[in-house]
Amino acid sequence: MPAKNSVIADSGFWIALFHQQDSYHAAAVTALDRFADQLLIVTWPVIVEASHLLLQRAGFQRQLAFLQTLQRGGADIFQLDGIQHMGRINALMQKYRDLPMDLTDASLVILAEELGHGRILSTDQRDFNCYRWKSHEPFENVLFP
């Protein structure tokens, strides 16, 4: 898994990027330009969540555009190992149950731990200011410079 020149991309980033009426759309477009030379990385839970929410909020064409972007290599997809990562997912969701943490966010904490950095594009400022990867390392939300 490449750690250099990579940025984690959360569901909110993708929704904002593909939904022009989203309040974070301009920030997502600007961030995409700013990080054009860097590899965006997602997890399958991010893809499922963003796809579902795009369909609900922006319609089928926007959902399809998102999936086609991924098909063309718009981001790398980190493969969670169900057996290897399930214990960590459960522990993280238990630790952050007061927020609460969902599966998608837990998968991104695991991704940060695998990458060795927490640089993330996320509209979820509250939660990613609270979450820690490797139990103590903060995320750096680069959507908001």
C-alpha atoms as a PDB file:
ATOM      1  CA  MET A   1       0.000   0.000   0.000  1.00  0.00           C
ATOM      2  CA  PRO A   2       1.622   3.291  -1.103  1.00  0.00           C
ATOM      3  CA  ALA A   3       1.878   5.822   1.723  1.00  0.00           C
ATOM      4  CA  LYS A   4       3.565   8.682  -0.142  1.00  0.00           C
ATOM      5  CA  ASN A   5       1.543  10.914  -2.418  1.00  0.00           C
ATOM      6  CA  SER A   6      -1.762   9.463  -1.265  1.00  0.00           C
ATOM      7  CA  VAL A   7      -4.875  10.939   0.284  1.00  0.00           C
ATOM      8  CA  ILE A   8      -7.793   9.083   1.855  1.00  0.00           C
ATOM      9  CA  ALA A   9     -11.126  10.079   0.293  1.00  0.00           C
ATOM     10  CA  ASP A  10     -14.225   9.798   2.500  1.00  0.00           C
ATOM     11  CA  SER A  11     -17.816   9.441   1.283  1.00  0.00           C
ATOM     12  CA  GLY A  12     -18.668  13.078   1.951  1.00  0.00           C
ATOM     13  CA  PHE A  13     -15.903  14.220  -0.385  1.00  0.00           C
ATOM     14  CA  TRP A  14     -17.266  12.092  -3.241  1.00  0.00           C
ATOM     15  CA  ILE A  15     -20.851  13.177  -2.602  1.00  0.00           C
ATOM     16  CA  ALA A  16     -19.814  16.839  -2.621  1.00  0.00           C
ATOM     17  CA  LEU A  17     -17.737  16.341  -5.759  1.00  0.00           C
ATOM     18  CA  PHE A  18     -20.556  14.747  -7.759  1.00  0.00           C
ATOM     19  CA  HIS A  19     -23.529  16.673  -6.330  1.00  0.00           C
ATOM     20  CA  GLN A  20     -23.363  20.281  -7.449  1.00  0.00           C
ATOM     21  CA  GLN A  21     -25.965  21.419  -4.914  1.00  0.00           C
ATOM     22  CA  ASP A  22     -23.918  20.058  -1.989  1.00  0.00           C
ATOM     23  CA  SER A  23     -22.640  22.866   0.234  1.00  0.00           C
ATOM     24  CA  TYR A  24     -19.107  21.437   0.017  1.00  0.00           C
ATOM     25  CA  HIS A  25     -19.084  21.057  -3.792  1.00  0.00           C
ATOM     26  CA  ALA A  26     -16.722  23.987  -4.453  1.00  0.00           C
ATOM     27  CA  ALA A  27     -14.315  22.811  -1.742  1.00  0.00           C
ATOM     28  CA  ALA A  28     -14.304  19.277  -3.204  1.00  0.00           C
ATOM     29  CA  VAL A  29     -13.598  20.528  -6.740  1.00  0.00           C
ATOM     30  CA  THR A  30     -10.790  22.752  -5.469  1.00  0.00           C
ATOM     31  CA  ALA A  31      -9.307  19.893  -3.437  1.00  0.00           C
ATOM     32  CA  LEU A  32      -9.426  17.546  -6.420  1.00  0.00           C
ATOM     33  CA  ASP A  33      -7.385  20.068  -8.413  1.00  0.00           C
ATOM     34  CA  ARG A  34      -4.991  20.646  -5.511  1.00  0.00           C
ATOM     35  CA  PHE A  35      -4.319  16.929  -5.085  1.00  0.00           C
ATOM     36  CA  ALA A  36      -4.365  15.974  -8.779  1.00  0.00           C
ATOM     37  CA  ASP A  37      -0.820  14.587  -8.490  1.00  0.00           C
ATOM     38  CA  GLN A  38      -1.722  12.391  -5.529  1.00  0.00           C
ATOM     39  CA  LEU A  39      -3.407   9.017  -5.359  1.00  0.00           C
ATOM     40  CA  LEU A  40      -6.893   9.014  -3.842  1.00  0.00           C
ATOM     41  CA  ILE A  41      -7.651   5.896  -1.812  1.00  0.00           C
ATOM     42  CA  VAL A  42     -11.048   4.579  -0.690  1.00  0.00           C
ATOM     43  CA  THR A  43     -12.500   1.477   0.925  1.00  0.00           C
ATOM     44  CA  TRP A  44     -15.486  -0.552  -0.250  1.00  0.00           C
ATOM     45  CA  PRO A  45     -17.658   0.826   2.575  1.00  0.00           C
ATOM     46  CA  VAL A  46     -16.928   4.344   1.255  1.00  0.00           C
ATOM     47  CA  ILE A  47     -17.992   3.292  -2.244  1.00  0.00           C
ATOM     48  CA  VAL A  48     -21.213   1.710  -0.988  1.00  0.00           C
ATOM     49  CA  GLU A  49     -22.108   4.671   1.231  1.00  0.00           C
ATOM     50  CA  ALA A  50     -21.281   7.349  -1.362  1.00  0.00           C
ATOM     51  CA  SER A  51     -23.096   5.451  -4.110  1.00  0.00           C
ATOM     52  CA  HIS A  52     -26.219   5.048  -1.976  1.00  0.00           C
ATOM     53  CA  LEU A  53     -26.268   8.687  -0.851  1.00  0.00           C
ATOM     54  CA  LEU A  54     -25.588  10.029  -4.344  1.00  0.00           C
ATOM     55  CA  LEU A  55     -28.537   8.043  -5.680  1.00  0.00           C
ATOM     56  CA  GLN A  56     -30.779   9.447  -2.927  1.00  0.00           C
ATOM     57  CA  ARG A  57     -29.582  13.054  -3.117  1.00  0.00           C
ATOM     58  CA  ALA A  58     -28.509  13.616  -6.716  1.00  0.00           C
ATOM     59  CA  GLY A  59     -30.015  10.784  -8.758  1.00  0.00           C
ATOM     60  CA  PHE A  60     -28.908   7.867 -10.852  1.00  0.00           C
ATOM     61  CA  GLN A  61     -26.719   9.814 -13.311  1.00  0.00           C
ATOM     62  CA  ARG A  62     -24.552  11.289 -10.539  1.00  0.00           C
ATOM     63  CA  GLN A  63     -24.257   7.879  -8.876  1.00  0.00           C
ATOM     64  CA  LEU A  64     -23.205   6.360 -12.194  1.00  0.00           C
ATOM     65  CA  ALA A  65     -20.686   9.149 -12.841  1.00  0.00           C
ATOM     66  CA  PHE A  66     -19.067   8.415  -9.469  1.00  0.00           C
ATOM     67  CA  LEU A  67     -18.821   4.688 -10.180  1.00  0.00           C
ATOM     68  CA  GLN A  68     -17.459   5.329 -13.679  1.00  0.00           C
ATOM     69  CA  THR A  69     -14.793   7.604 -12.215  1.00  0.00           C
ATOM     70  CA  LEU A  70     -13.672   4.755  -9.970  1.00  0.00           C
ATOM     71  CA  GLN A  71     -13.770   2.335 -12.899  1.00  0.00           C
ATOM     72  CA  ARG A  72     -11.430   4.663 -14.823  1.00  0.00           C
ATOM     73  CA  GLY A  73      -8.948   4.662 -11.945  1.00  0.00           C
ATOM     74  CA  GLY A  74     -10.090   7.788 -10.124  1.00  0.00           C
ATOM     75  CA  ALA A  75      -9.063   6.156  -6.836  1.00  0.00           C
ATOM     76  CA  ASP A  76      -7.373   3.043  -5.539  1.00  0.00           C
ATOM     77  CA  ILE A  77      -9.564   0.682  -3.530  1.00  0.00           C
ATOM     78  CA  PHE A  78      -8.064  -0.658  -0.308  1.00  0.00           C
ATOM     79  CA  GLN A  79      -9.177  -4.193   0.370  1.00  0.00           C
ATOM     80  CA  LEU A  80     -10.274  -4.834   3.931  1.00  0.00           C
ATOM     81  CA  ASP A  81      -9.553  -8.344   5.139  1.00  0.00           C
ATOM     82  CA  GLY A  82     -12.715  -9.371   6.961  1.00  0.00           C
ATOM     83  CA  ILE A  83     -10.994 -11.795   9.294  1.00  0.00           C
ATOM     84  CA  GLN A  84      -7.903  -9.666   9.881  1.00  0.00           C
ATOM     85  CA  HIS A  85      -9.710  -6.334  10.238  1.00  0.00           C
ATOM     86  CA  MET A  86     -13.059  -7.278  11.829  1.00  0.00           C
ATOM     87  CA  GLY A  87     -11.681  -7.244  15.370  1.00  0.00           C
ATOM     88  CA  ARG A  88     -10.225  -3.760  14.848  1.00  0.00           C
ATOM     89  CA  ILE A  89     -13.479  -2.532  13.275  1.00  0.00           C
ATOM     90  CA  ASN A  90     -15.445  -3.787  16.292  1.00  0.00           C
ATOM     91  CA  ALA A  91     -12.988  -2.228  18.741  1.00  0.00           C
ATOM     92  CA  LEU A  92     -13.093   1.137  16.962  1.00  0.00           C
ATOM     93  CA  MET A  93     -16.878   1.191  16.751  1.00  0.00           C
ATOM     94  CA  GLN A  94     -17.067   0.349  20.458  1.00  0.00           C
ATOM     95  CA  LYS A  95     -14.513   3.034  21.371  1.00  0.00           C
ATOM     96  CA  TYR A  96     -16.342   5.749  19.415  1.00  0.00           C
ATOM     97  CA  ARG A  97     -19.899   4.544  20.048  1.00  0.00           C
ATOM     98  CA  ASP A  98     -20.881   7.929  21.532  1.00  0.00           C
ATOM     99  CA  LEU A  99     -20.369   9.702  18.175  1.00  0.00           C
ATOM    100  CA  PRO A 100     -21.282   6.985  16.887  1.00  0.00           C
ATOM    101  CA  MET A 101     -18.704   5.565  14.483  1.00  0.00           C
ATOM    102  CA  ASP A 102     -20.047   3.608  11.524  1.00  0.00           C
ATOM    103  CA  LEU A 103     -18.416   0.874   9.436  1.00  0.00           C
ATOM    104  CA  THR A 104     -17.293   3.340   6.776  1.00  0.00           C
ATOM    105  CA  ASP A 105     -15.421   5.532   9.256  1.00  0.00           C
ATOM    106  CA  ALA A 106     -13.882   2.498  10.961  1.00  0.00           C
ATOM    107  CA  SER A 107     -12.623   1.302   7.582  1.00  0.00           C
ATOM    108  CA  LEU A 108     -10.925   4.666   7.046  1.00  0.00           C
ATOM    109  CA  VAL A 109      -9.175   4.499  10.412  1.00  0.00           C
ATOM    110  CA  ILE A 110      -7.837   1.083   9.408  1.00  0.00           C
ATOM    111  CA  LEU A 111      -6.769   2.496   6.043  1.00  0.00           C
ATOM    112  CA  ALA A 112      -4.869   5.319   7.783  1.00  0.00           C
ATOM    113  CA  GLU A 113      -3.144   2.753   9.983  1.00  0.00           C
ATOM    114  CA  GLU A 114      -2.127   0.739   6.920  1.00  0.00           C
ATOM    115  CA  LEU A 115      -0.917   3.838   5.039  1.00  0.00           C
ATOM    116  CA  GLY A 116       0.914   5.317   8.012  1.00  0.00           C
ATOM    117  CA  HIS A 117      -0.800   8.706   7.643  1.00  0.00           C
ATOM    118  CA  GLY A 118      -4.171  10.301   8.269  1.00  0.00           C
ATOM    119  CA  ARG A 119      -4.405  12.797   5.405  1.00  0.00           C
ATOM    120  CA  ILE A 120      -8.097  12.734   4.488  1.00  0.00           C
ATOM    121  CA  LEU A 121     -10.601  14.549   2.303  1.00  0.00           C
ATOM    122  CA  SER A 122     -13.777  14.575   4.399  1.00  0.00           C
ATOM    123  CA  THR A 123     -16.763  16.838   4.951  1.00  0.00           C
ATOM    124  CA  ASP A 124     -17.160  15.207   8.382  1.00  0.00           C
ATOM    125  CA  GLN A 125     -15.069  17.638  10.390  1.00  0.00           C
ATOM    126  CA  ARG A 126     -16.468  16.700  13.805  1.00  0.00           C
ATOM    127  CA  ASP A 127     -15.818  12.977  13.694  1.00  0.00           C
ATOM    128  CA  PHE A 128     -12.449  13.089  11.956  1.00  0.00           C
ATOM    129  CA  ASN A 129     -11.271  15.649  14.496  1.00  0.00           C
ATOM    130  CA  CYS A 130     -12.107  13.065  17.193  1.00  0.00           C
ATOM    131  CA  TYR A 131     -10.908   9.837  15.580  1.00  0.00           C
ATOM    132  CA  ARG A 132      -7.350   8.655  16.106  1.00  0.00           C
ATOM    133  CA  TRP A 133      -5.471   6.129  14.016  1.00  0.00           C
ATOM    134  CA  LYS A 134      -2.956   3.905  15.800  1.00  0.00           C
ATOM    135  CA  SER A 135      -4.945   4.992  18.891  1.00  0.00           C
ATOM    136  CA  HIS A 136      -3.285   8.398  19.208  1.00  0.00           C
ATOM    137  CA  GLU A 137      -2.491   9.895  15.790  1.00  0.00           C
ATOM    138  CA  PRO A 138      -4.913  12.617  14.631  1.00  0.00           C
ATOM    139  CA  PHE A 139      -6.321  12.872  11.129  1.00  0.00           C
ATOM    140  CA  GLU A 140      -5.372  15.845   8.967  1.00  0.00           C
ATOM    141  CA  ASN A 141      -8.446  16.917   7.033  1.00  0.00           C
ATOM    142  CA  VAL A 142      -6.952  18.419   3.870  1.00  0.00           C
ATOM    143  CA  LEU A 143     -10.338  19.298   2.349  1.00  0.00           C
ATOM    144  CA  PHE A 144     -10.169  22.498   4.387  1.00  0.00           C
ATOM    145  CA  PRO A 145      -6.737  24.152   3.993  1.00  0.00           C
END
